[in-house]
Amino acid sequence: MHVDPNKKFDIRNVERNLREGIITEEEYREFLESLPDASHKVLREDQQEGEGEE
């Protein structure tokens, strides 16, 4: 089966790729750890758009 390398860790495919041995748990964990921190983009429920931006 051909697996597009750009979609190997796509959330829609990751469970199947783990199950079929296309990726390992360790590879997936390393991928997740390599993602940039985007916590500054989170908007809490009690916060309005534009609030808290410096």
N, C-alpha and C. Protein backbone atom coordinates (compact mmCIF):
# COMPACT_ATOMS: atom_id res chain seq x y z
N MET A 1 0.84 -1.18 0.00
CA MET A 1 0.00 0.00 0.00
C MET A 1 0.89 1.24 0.00
N HIS A 2 0.58 2.18 -0.87
CA HIS A 2 1.33 3.45 -0.94
C HIS A 2 0.84 4.38 0.17
N VAL A 3 1.77 4.93 0.91
CA VAL A 3 1.45 5.88 1.96
C VAL A 3 2.15 7.20 1.64
N ASP A 4 1.36 8.24 1.49
CA ASP A 4 1.91 9.57 1.23
C ASP A 4 2.68 10.01 2.48
N PRO A 5 3.99 10.24 2.37
CA PRO A 5 4.79 10.63 3.53
C PRO A 5 4.28 11.90 4.21
N ASN A 6 3.63 12.78 3.46
CA ASN A 6 3.10 14.01 4.04
C ASN A 6 1.86 13.76 4.88
N LYS A 7 1.26 12.59 4.73
CA LYS A 7 0.03 12.29 5.47
C LYS A 7 0.21 11.13 6.45
N LYS A 8 1.44 10.70 6.63
CA LYS A 8 1.72 9.56 7.49
C LYS A 8 1.24 9.81 8.93
N PHE A 9 1.35 11.05 9.40
CA PHE A 9 0.96 11.38 10.77
C PHE A 9 -0.33 12.19 10.81
N ASP A 10 -1.05 12.23 9.71
CA ASP A 10 -2.34 12.93 9.66
C ASP A 10 -3.28 12.28 10.67
N ILE A 11 -3.92 13.08 11.49
CA ILE A 11 -4.78 12.58 12.57
C ILE A 11 -5.86 11.64 12.05
N ARG A 12 -6.27 11.82 10.80
CA ARG A 12 -7.30 10.95 10.23
C ARG A 12 -6.76 9.58 9.87
N ASN A 13 -5.43 9.44 9.79
CA ASN A 13 -4.81 8.17 9.37
C ASN A 13 -3.96 7.52 10.45
N VAL A 14 -3.62 8.23 11.48
CA VAL A 14 -2.61 7.76 12.42
C VAL A 14 -2.99 6.45 13.11
N GLU A 15 -4.23 6.27 13.50
CA GLU A 15 -4.63 5.01 14.16
C GLU A 15 -4.42 3.82 13.24
N ARG A 16 -4.84 3.96 11.99
CA ARG A 16 -4.67 2.88 11.02
C ARG A 16 -3.19 2.63 10.76
N ASN A 17 -2.40 3.71 10.62
CA ASN A 17 -0.98 3.55 10.37
C ASN A 17 -0.27 2.87 11.53
N LEU A 18 -0.69 3.14 12.75
CA LEU A 18 -0.13 2.44 13.91
C LEU A 18 -0.53 0.97 13.88
N ARG A 19 -1.78 0.70 13.64
CA ARG A 19 -2.31 -0.66 13.62
C ARG A 19 -1.63 -1.51 12.54
N GLU A 20 -1.39 -0.90 11.38
CA GLU A 20 -0.82 -1.64 10.25
C GLU A 20 0.71 -1.64 10.26
N GLY A 21 1.32 -1.00 11.25
CA GLY A 21 2.77 -1.02 11.38
C GLY A 21 3.49 -0.06 10.45
N ILE A 22 2.76 0.86 9.86
CA ILE A 22 3.38 1.86 8.98
C ILE A 22 4.22 2.82 9.79
N ILE A 23 3.76 3.15 11.00
CA ILE A 23 4.52 3.96 11.94
C ILE A 23 4.51 3.23 13.29
N THR A 24 5.49 3.55 14.13
CA THR A 24 5.54 2.97 15.46
C THR A 24 5.07 3.99 16.47
N GLU A 25 4.77 3.52 17.67
CA GLU A 25 4.38 4.43 18.76
C GLU A 25 5.49 5.45 19.01
N GLU A 26 6.73 4.98 18.95
CA GLU A 26 7.87 5.87 19.19
C GLU A 26 7.96 6.95 18.11
N GLU A 27 7.79 6.57 16.85
CA GLU A 27 7.82 7.56 15.77
C GLU A 27 6.72 8.59 15.96
N TYR A 28 5.53 8.14 16.35
CA TYR A 28 4.40 9.04 16.55
C TYR A 28 4.67 9.99 17.72
N ARG A 29 5.23 9.45 18.80
CA ARG A 29 5.56 10.27 19.97
C ARG A 29 6.61 11.33 19.59
N GLU A 30 7.62 10.93 18.83
CA GLU A 30 8.65 11.88 18.39
C GLU A 30 8.05 12.96 17.50
N PHE A 31 7.12 12.58 16.63
CA PHE A 31 6.45 13.54 15.78
C PHE A 31 5.69 14.57 16.62
N LEU A 32 4.93 14.08 17.60
CA LEU A 32 4.15 14.98 18.46
C LEU A 32 5.06 15.93 19.24
N GLU A 33 6.19 15.41 19.72
CA GLU A 33 7.12 16.24 20.48
C GLU A 33 7.80 17.28 19.60
N SER A 34 7.87 17.04 18.30
CA SER A 34 8.53 17.97 17.39
C SER A 34 7.63 19.12 16.96
N LEU A 35 6.35 19.02 17.24
CA LEU A 35 5.42 20.07 16.84
C LEU A 35 5.69 21.34 17.65
N PRO A 36 5.54 22.50 17.02
CA PRO A 36 5.77 23.75 17.74
C PRO A 36 4.70 24.01 18.79
N ASP A 37 5.07 24.74 19.81
CA ASP A 37 4.13 25.12 20.88
C ASP A 37 3.21 26.22 20.36
N ALA A 38 1.93 25.95 20.32
CA ALA A 38 0.96 26.94 19.84
C ALA A 38 -0.02 27.32 20.94
N SER A 39 0.39 27.13 22.19
CA SER A 39 -0.52 27.40 23.31
C SER A 39 -0.91 28.88 23.37
N HIS A 40 -0.10 29.76 22.82
CA HIS A 40 -0.44 31.19 22.83
C HIS A 40 -1.62 31.51 21.91
N LYS A 41 -2.01 30.55 21.08
CA LYS A 41 -3.12 30.76 20.15
C LYS A 41 -4.46 30.29 20.72
N VAL A 42 -4.44 29.68 21.89
CA VAL A 42 -5.66 29.15 22.50
C VAL A 42 -6.49 30.27 23.08
N LEU A 43 -7.77 30.25 22.83
CA LEU A 43 -8.68 31.24 23.38
C LEU A 43 -9.55 30.54 24.42
N ARG A 44 -9.39 30.95 25.67
CA ARG A 44 -10.20 30.36 26.74
C ARG A 44 -11.65 30.78 26.58
N GLU A 45 -12.56 29.99 27.15
CA GLU A 45 -13.99 30.29 27.07
C GLU A 45 -14.32 31.66 27.66
N ASP A 46 -13.65 32.02 28.76
CA ASP A 46 -13.96 33.27 29.44
C ASP A 46 -13.20 34.46 28.86
N GLN A 47 -12.50 34.26 27.78
CA GLN A 47 -11.71 35.32 27.15
C GLN A 47 -12.32 35.71 25.80
N GLN A 48 -12.32 36.99 25.52
CA GLN A 48 -12.87 37.44 24.23
C GLN A 48 -11.74 37.69 23.26
N GLU A 49 -12.03 37.63 21.97
CA GLU A 49 -11.05 37.88 20.93
C GLU A 49 -10.39 39.24 21.17
N GLY A 50 -9.07 39.31 20.99
CA GLY A 50 -8.34 40.55 21.15
C GLY A 50 -7.90 40.82 22.58
N GLU A 51 -8.54 40.19 23.53
CA GLU A 51 -8.20 40.38 24.94
C GLU A 51 -6.94 39.60 25.26
N GLY A 52 -6.05 40.18 26.00
CA GLY A 52 -4.84 39.49 26.42
C GLY A 52 -3.72 39.53 25.42
N GLU A 53 -3.95 40.15 24.28
CA GLU A 53 -2.89 40.28 23.29
C GLU A 53 -2.06 41.49 23.62
N GLU A 54 -0.79 41.34 23.61
CA GLU A 54 0.13 42.42 23.97
C GLU A 54 0.70 43.02 22.69
